[in-house]
N, C-alpha and C. Protein backbone atom coordinates (compact mmCIF):
# COMPACT_ATOMS: atom_id res chain seq x y z
N TYR A 1 54.59 208.39 -43.45
CA TYR A 1 53.98 207.23 -44.09
C TYR A 1 53.36 207.63 -45.41
N ASP A 2 53.48 206.76 -46.39
CA ASP A 2 52.83 206.99 -47.68
C ASP A 2 51.43 206.39 -47.60
N HIS A 3 50.44 207.21 -47.77
CA HIS A 3 49.06 206.73 -47.76
C HIS A 3 48.17 207.70 -48.54
N VAL A 4 46.97 207.24 -48.83
CA VAL A 4 46.02 208.07 -49.56
C VAL A 4 45.58 209.23 -48.68
N VAL A 5 45.62 210.42 -49.20
CA VAL A 5 45.10 211.57 -48.48
C VAL A 5 43.68 211.80 -48.97
N PRO A 6 42.71 211.62 -48.10
CA PRO A 6 41.30 211.68 -48.52
C PRO A 6 40.76 213.10 -48.68
N HIS A 7 41.02 213.69 -49.82
CA HIS A 7 40.53 215.05 -50.09
C HIS A 7 39.01 215.11 -50.20
N ILE A 8 38.39 213.97 -50.51
CA ILE A 8 36.95 213.96 -50.76
C ILE A 8 36.16 214.57 -49.60
N GLY A 9 36.61 214.38 -48.36
CA GLY A 9 35.88 214.89 -47.20
C GLY A 9 35.82 216.41 -47.14
N PHE A 10 36.67 217.08 -47.90
CA PHE A 10 36.67 218.54 -47.88
C PHE A 10 36.22 219.14 -49.20
N THR A 11 36.15 218.34 -50.25
CA THR A 11 35.83 218.90 -51.56
C THR A 11 34.55 218.36 -52.18
N ALA A 12 34.11 217.18 -51.78
CA ALA A 12 32.92 216.59 -52.41
C ALA A 12 31.65 217.32 -51.99
N LYS A 13 30.69 217.33 -52.88
CA LYS A 13 29.40 217.98 -52.61
C LYS A 13 28.47 216.94 -51.99
N THR A 14 27.96 217.24 -50.80
CA THR A 14 27.04 216.32 -50.14
C THR A 14 25.67 216.36 -50.80
N ARG A 15 24.86 215.35 -50.53
CA ARG A 15 23.52 215.26 -51.12
C ARG A 15 22.43 215.65 -50.13
N ILE A 16 22.60 215.32 -48.85
CA ILE A 16 21.58 215.61 -47.84
C ILE A 16 22.12 216.62 -46.83
N LEU A 17 23.30 216.37 -46.31
CA LEU A 17 23.90 217.28 -45.32
C LEU A 17 24.32 218.59 -45.97
N THR A 18 24.17 219.67 -45.23
CA THR A 18 24.73 220.94 -45.70
C THR A 18 26.21 220.95 -45.33
N ARG A 19 26.97 221.87 -45.90
CA ARG A 19 28.40 221.98 -45.53
C ARG A 19 28.53 222.29 -44.04
N GLU A 20 27.60 223.10 -43.53
CA GLU A 20 27.62 223.43 -42.10
C GLU A 20 27.37 222.18 -41.26
N ASP A 21 26.40 221.35 -41.65
CA ASP A 21 26.14 220.09 -40.94
C ASP A 21 27.40 219.22 -40.93
N LEU A 22 28.04 219.15 -42.07
CA LEU A 22 29.24 218.33 -42.20
C LEU A 22 30.35 218.84 -41.27
N ARG A 23 30.55 220.14 -41.24
CA ARG A 23 31.59 220.72 -40.38
C ARG A 23 31.29 220.52 -38.89
N GLU A 24 30.00 220.53 -38.53
CA GLU A 24 29.62 220.39 -37.13
C GLU A 24 29.79 218.97 -36.61
N ARG A 25 29.80 218.02 -37.49
CA ARG A 25 29.96 216.62 -37.08
C ARG A 25 31.44 216.31 -36.94
N SER A 26 31.83 215.81 -35.78
CA SER A 26 33.22 215.41 -35.66
C SER A 26 33.36 214.34 -34.59
N ALA A 27 34.28 213.45 -34.83
CA ALA A 27 34.55 212.37 -33.89
C ALA A 27 35.47 212.88 -32.79
N ILE A 28 35.42 212.18 -31.65
CA ILE A 28 36.34 212.54 -30.57
C ILE A 28 37.74 212.04 -30.93
N ASP A 29 38.74 212.63 -30.35
CA ASP A 29 40.13 212.24 -30.59
C ASP A 29 40.30 210.76 -30.22
N PRO A 30 40.70 209.92 -31.17
CA PRO A 30 40.83 208.50 -30.89
C PRO A 30 41.94 208.17 -29.87
N ASP A 31 42.97 209.00 -29.80
CA ASP A 31 44.04 208.84 -28.81
C ASP A 31 44.47 207.38 -28.67
N TYR A 32 44.84 206.77 -29.78
CA TYR A 32 45.19 205.35 -29.79
C TYR A 32 46.48 205.06 -29.04
N ASP A 33 46.49 203.92 -28.37
CA ASP A 33 47.71 203.33 -27.83
C ASP A 33 48.12 202.30 -28.89
N TYR A 34 49.04 202.69 -29.77
CA TYR A 34 49.38 201.85 -30.92
C TYR A 34 49.92 200.48 -30.52
N GLU A 35 50.63 200.41 -29.43
CA GLU A 35 51.16 199.11 -28.97
C GLU A 35 49.98 198.18 -28.63
N GLN A 36 49.02 198.69 -27.88
CA GLN A 36 47.85 197.90 -27.50
C GLN A 36 47.00 197.55 -28.72
N GLU A 37 46.77 198.51 -29.60
CA GLU A 37 45.97 198.26 -30.81
C GLU A 37 46.64 197.21 -31.69
N SER A 38 47.97 197.26 -31.80
CA SER A 38 48.70 196.29 -32.61
C SER A 38 48.58 194.89 -32.01
N GLU A 39 48.62 194.79 -30.70
CA GLU A 39 48.45 193.48 -30.05
C GLU A 39 47.06 192.91 -30.36
N LYS A 40 46.04 193.77 -30.34
CA LYS A 40 44.69 193.32 -30.67
C LYS A 40 44.63 192.80 -32.11
N VAL A 41 45.29 193.51 -33.03
CA VAL A 41 45.30 193.09 -34.43
C VAL A 41 45.94 191.71 -34.56
N VAL A 42 47.07 191.51 -33.92
CA VAL A 42 47.77 190.23 -33.99
C VAL A 42 46.90 189.11 -33.42
N GLU A 43 46.24 189.35 -32.30
CA GLU A 43 45.37 188.33 -31.70
C GLU A 43 44.20 188.00 -32.62
N ARG A 44 43.60 189.02 -33.22
CA ARG A 44 42.47 188.78 -34.13
C ARG A 44 42.91 187.99 -35.36
N LEU A 45 44.10 188.29 -35.86
CA LEU A 45 44.60 187.55 -37.03
C LEU A 45 44.91 186.10 -36.69
N LYS A 46 45.41 185.86 -35.48
CA LYS A 46 45.66 184.48 -35.04
C LYS A 46 44.35 183.70 -35.00
N GLU A 47 43.31 184.33 -34.46
CA GLU A 47 42.00 183.69 -34.40
C GLU A 47 41.43 183.47 -35.80
N LEU A 48 41.58 184.46 -36.66
CA LEU A 48 41.08 184.37 -38.02
C LEU A 48 41.75 183.22 -38.79
N ALA A 49 43.03 183.03 -38.54
CA ALA A 49 43.79 182.00 -39.27
C ALA A 49 43.25 180.60 -39.04
N THR A 50 42.55 180.39 -37.93
CA THR A 50 42.04 179.05 -37.61
C THR A 50 40.52 178.95 -37.67
N ASN A 51 39.86 179.98 -38.17
CA ASN A 51 38.40 179.99 -38.16
C ASN A 51 37.88 180.21 -39.59
N ASP A 52 37.46 179.13 -40.22
CA ASP A 52 37.02 179.19 -41.62
C ASP A 52 35.77 180.06 -41.80
N THR A 53 34.87 180.04 -40.83
CA THR A 53 33.66 180.87 -40.93
C THR A 53 34.03 182.35 -40.97
N GLN A 54 34.93 182.76 -40.08
CA GLN A 54 35.36 184.15 -40.08
C GLN A 54 36.07 184.52 -41.38
N LYS A 55 36.85 183.62 -41.92
CA LYS A 55 37.53 183.89 -43.19
C LYS A 55 36.51 184.16 -44.30
N ILE A 56 35.46 183.35 -44.35
CA ILE A 56 34.42 183.53 -45.36
C ILE A 56 33.71 184.86 -45.17
N LEU A 57 33.40 185.20 -43.92
CA LEU A 57 32.72 186.47 -43.64
C LEU A 57 33.60 187.67 -44.02
N VAL A 58 34.88 187.60 -43.71
CA VAL A 58 35.80 188.68 -44.08
C VAL A 58 35.82 188.85 -45.59
N GLU A 59 35.92 187.74 -46.31
CA GLU A 59 35.95 187.81 -47.77
C GLU A 59 34.64 188.37 -48.32
N PHE A 60 33.51 187.94 -47.75
CA PHE A 60 32.21 188.42 -48.21
C PHE A 60 32.06 189.92 -47.98
N PHE A 61 32.31 190.37 -46.75
CA PHE A 61 32.09 191.77 -46.41
C PHE A 61 33.16 192.70 -46.99
N ASP A 62 34.23 192.15 -47.52
CA ASP A 62 35.25 192.97 -48.16
C ASP A 62 34.79 193.46 -49.53
N ASP A 63 33.81 192.79 -50.11
CA ASP A 63 33.29 193.17 -51.42
C ASP A 63 32.07 194.07 -51.22
N LYS A 64 32.29 195.37 -51.27
CA LYS A 64 31.23 196.34 -50.97
C LYS A 64 30.06 196.25 -51.95
N ALA A 65 30.33 195.87 -53.19
CA ALA A 65 29.25 195.76 -54.17
C ALA A 65 28.29 194.63 -53.79
N ILE A 66 28.83 193.52 -53.33
CA ILE A 66 27.98 192.39 -52.92
C ILE A 66 27.17 192.77 -51.69
N VAL A 67 27.80 193.45 -50.73
CA VAL A 67 27.10 193.85 -49.51
C VAL A 67 25.96 194.80 -49.85
N ASP A 68 26.24 195.82 -50.66
CA ASP A 68 25.19 196.77 -51.05
C ASP A 68 24.06 196.09 -51.79
N THR A 69 24.39 195.19 -52.68
CA THR A 69 23.36 194.46 -53.43
C THR A 69 22.49 193.65 -52.47
N GLY A 70 23.11 193.02 -51.50
CA GLY A 70 22.36 192.25 -50.50
C GLY A 70 21.43 193.12 -49.68
N ILE A 71 21.90 194.29 -49.30
CA ILE A 71 21.07 195.22 -48.53
C ILE A 71 19.87 195.65 -49.36
N TYR A 72 20.12 196.05 -50.61
CA TYR A 72 19.02 196.47 -51.49
C TYR A 72 18.01 195.33 -51.69
N ALA A 73 18.50 194.14 -51.88
CA ALA A 73 17.61 193.00 -52.10
C ALA A 73 16.77 192.71 -50.85
N ALA A 74 17.40 192.77 -49.68
CA ALA A 74 16.68 192.51 -48.43
C ALA A 74 15.62 193.58 -48.18
N ILE A 75 15.98 194.83 -48.37
CA ILE A 75 15.02 195.92 -48.16
C ILE A 75 13.86 195.81 -49.14
N GLY A 76 14.17 195.41 -50.35
CA GLY A 76 13.13 195.28 -51.38
C GLY A 76 12.10 194.21 -51.07
N GLN A 77 12.43 193.30 -50.15
CA GLN A 77 11.49 192.23 -49.78
C GLN A 77 10.60 192.61 -48.60
N LEU A 78 10.88 193.74 -47.96
CA LEU A 78 10.04 194.16 -46.83
C LEU A 78 8.65 194.51 -47.33
N PRO A 79 7.61 194.14 -46.57
CA PRO A 79 6.23 194.41 -47.01
C PRO A 79 5.97 195.86 -47.40
N ALA A 80 6.55 196.78 -46.67
CA ALA A 80 6.32 198.21 -46.96
C ALA A 80 6.83 198.60 -48.35
N PHE A 81 7.76 197.84 -48.90
CA PHE A 81 8.36 198.21 -50.19
C PHE A 81 7.83 197.37 -51.35
N LEU A 82 6.88 196.53 -51.06
CA LEU A 82 6.29 195.75 -52.15
C LEU A 82 5.15 196.53 -52.81
N GLY A 83 4.92 197.73 -52.31
CA GLY A 83 3.84 198.58 -52.83
C GLY A 83 4.27 199.35 -54.05
N SER A 84 4.16 200.66 -53.96
CA SER A 84 4.34 201.50 -55.13
C SER A 84 5.79 201.60 -55.59
N TYR A 85 5.94 201.65 -56.88
CA TYR A 85 7.26 201.82 -57.50
C TYR A 85 7.86 203.16 -57.09
N ASP A 86 7.04 204.20 -57.04
CA ASP A 86 7.51 205.53 -56.66
C ASP A 86 8.09 205.54 -55.24
N ASN A 87 7.43 204.85 -54.32
CA ASN A 87 7.93 204.79 -52.94
C ASN A 87 9.29 204.08 -52.88
N ARG A 88 9.43 203.02 -53.65
CA ARG A 88 10.72 202.31 -53.67
C ARG A 88 11.83 203.19 -54.22
N ILE A 89 11.55 203.89 -55.31
CA ILE A 89 12.55 204.78 -55.91
C ILE A 89 12.92 205.89 -54.93
N LEU A 90 11.94 206.45 -54.28
CA LEU A 90 12.18 207.51 -53.29
C LEU A 90 13.06 206.98 -52.16
N PHE A 91 12.73 205.79 -51.65
CA PHE A 91 13.53 205.21 -50.57
C PHE A 91 14.96 204.96 -51.02
N TYR A 92 15.13 204.30 -52.16
CA TYR A 92 16.47 203.99 -52.64
C TYR A 92 17.29 205.24 -52.90
N SER A 93 16.64 206.30 -53.39
CA SER A 93 17.35 207.57 -53.60
C SER A 93 17.83 208.15 -52.27
N GLY A 94 16.96 208.12 -51.28
CA GLY A 94 17.34 208.61 -49.95
C GLY A 94 18.42 207.76 -49.31
N TYR A 95 18.30 206.45 -49.43
CA TYR A 95 19.29 205.53 -48.86
C TYR A 95 20.66 205.75 -49.50
N THR A 96 20.67 205.86 -50.81
CA THR A 96 21.92 206.07 -51.53
C THR A 96 22.54 207.42 -51.18
N SER A 97 21.71 208.46 -51.09
CA SER A 97 22.22 209.79 -50.74
C SER A 97 22.79 209.81 -49.32
N ALA A 98 22.11 209.16 -48.38
CA ALA A 98 22.60 209.11 -47.00
C ALA A 98 23.91 208.33 -46.93
N ASN A 99 23.99 207.25 -47.67
CA ASN A 99 25.22 206.46 -47.73
C ASN A 99 26.37 207.29 -48.30
N TYR A 100 26.10 208.02 -49.35
CA TYR A 100 27.09 208.89 -49.99
C TYR A 100 27.60 209.94 -49.00
N ASP A 101 26.68 210.59 -48.29
CA ASP A 101 27.08 211.60 -47.30
C ASP A 101 27.89 210.97 -46.16
N ALA A 102 27.55 209.76 -45.79
CA ALA A 102 28.30 209.07 -44.73
C ALA A 102 29.75 208.83 -45.17
N VAL A 103 29.94 208.46 -46.42
CA VAL A 103 31.30 208.25 -46.93
C VAL A 103 32.09 209.56 -46.89
N ILE A 104 31.47 210.64 -47.29
CA ILE A 104 32.15 211.94 -47.25
C ILE A 104 32.52 212.31 -45.81
N THR A 105 31.59 212.07 -44.88
CA THR A 105 31.84 212.37 -43.47
C THR A 105 33.02 211.56 -42.93
N VAL A 106 33.05 210.28 -43.25
CA VAL A 106 34.13 209.42 -42.79
C VAL A 106 35.48 209.86 -43.36
N TRP A 107 35.51 210.15 -44.65
CA TRP A 107 36.77 210.58 -45.26
C TRP A 107 37.23 211.92 -44.70
N ARG A 108 36.29 212.78 -44.35
CA ARG A 108 36.65 214.06 -43.74
C ARG A 108 37.32 213.81 -42.39
N GLU A 109 36.76 212.90 -41.60
CA GLU A 109 37.35 212.57 -40.30
C GLU A 109 38.73 211.93 -40.47
N LYS A 110 38.86 211.09 -41.47
CA LYS A 110 40.18 210.48 -41.74
C LYS A 110 41.22 211.56 -42.01
N ARG A 111 40.82 212.58 -42.73
CA ARG A 111 41.74 213.67 -43.07
C ARG A 111 42.08 214.51 -41.83
N ILE A 112 41.09 214.75 -40.98
CA ILE A 112 41.31 215.54 -39.77
C ILE A 112 42.29 214.85 -38.84
N TRP A 113 42.08 213.55 -38.60
CA TRP A 113 42.91 212.84 -37.63
C TRP A 113 44.21 212.33 -38.24
N ASP A 114 44.25 212.06 -39.53
CA ASP A 114 45.48 211.69 -40.23
C ASP A 114 46.32 210.66 -39.46
N LEU A 115 45.71 209.52 -39.13
CA LEU A 115 46.39 208.49 -38.36
C LEU A 115 46.76 207.30 -39.23
N VAL A 116 47.79 206.62 -38.82
CA VAL A 116 48.23 205.41 -39.52
C VAL A 116 47.53 204.21 -38.87
N ARG A 117 47.27 203.18 -39.65
CA ARG A 117 46.63 201.97 -39.12
C ARG A 117 47.67 201.11 -38.41
N PRO A 118 47.24 200.42 -37.34
CA PRO A 118 48.16 199.51 -36.65
C PRO A 118 48.75 198.45 -37.59
N THR A 119 47.95 197.99 -38.56
CA THR A 119 48.47 196.98 -39.48
C THR A 119 49.66 197.50 -40.28
N THR A 120 49.66 198.78 -40.60
CA THR A 120 50.79 199.38 -41.32
C THR A 120 52.03 199.38 -40.44
N LEU A 121 51.86 199.71 -39.18
CA LEU A 121 53.00 199.72 -38.26
C LEU A 121 53.57 198.31 -38.08
N ILE A 122 52.69 197.32 -38.03
CA ILE A 122 53.14 195.92 -37.89
C ILE A 122 53.88 195.50 -39.16
N LYS A 123 53.28 195.78 -40.32
CA LYS A 123 53.88 195.39 -41.61
C LYS A 123 55.26 196.02 -41.80
N ASP A 124 55.38 197.28 -41.36
CA ASP A 124 56.66 197.98 -41.51
C ASP A 124 57.66 197.65 -40.41
N GLY A 125 57.27 196.76 -39.49
CA GLY A 125 58.19 196.34 -38.43
C GLY A 125 58.42 197.38 -37.35
N ILE A 126 57.55 198.36 -37.24
CA ILE A 126 57.72 199.42 -36.25
C ILE A 126 57.16 198.99 -34.91
N ILE A 127 56.07 198.23 -34.94
CA ILE A 127 55.41 197.71 -33.73
C ILE A 127 55.02 196.27 -33.98
N GLY A 128 54.90 195.51 -32.91
CA GLY A 128 54.38 194.14 -33.01
C GLY A 128 55.46 193.17 -33.30
């Protein structure tokens, strides 16, 4: 299959986690039953096709910039963050660094397991 190979999980420099921490974290083998997973995808898409609320939510959450902006705005309204400017900057720096490390961790796992998505198998006519 032609797909993006996520080198970032092995080459990017983390902000909070050490390289050792990153190596020690690993997901269990997903051991997917692609036939079953593909059936779930088809059922979810059938439901989505008739549910306008779900369509709006999918579109909203697909835009990562909007989601991140919403999270920052919501956190900024918490009473604990209406105080000092320094505390807000410190929190946002930590939040952003943790988010960055999480992305590296996820991409590393994607590279380790190197699996194809059920939607790709359906689109290519292999399953479903």
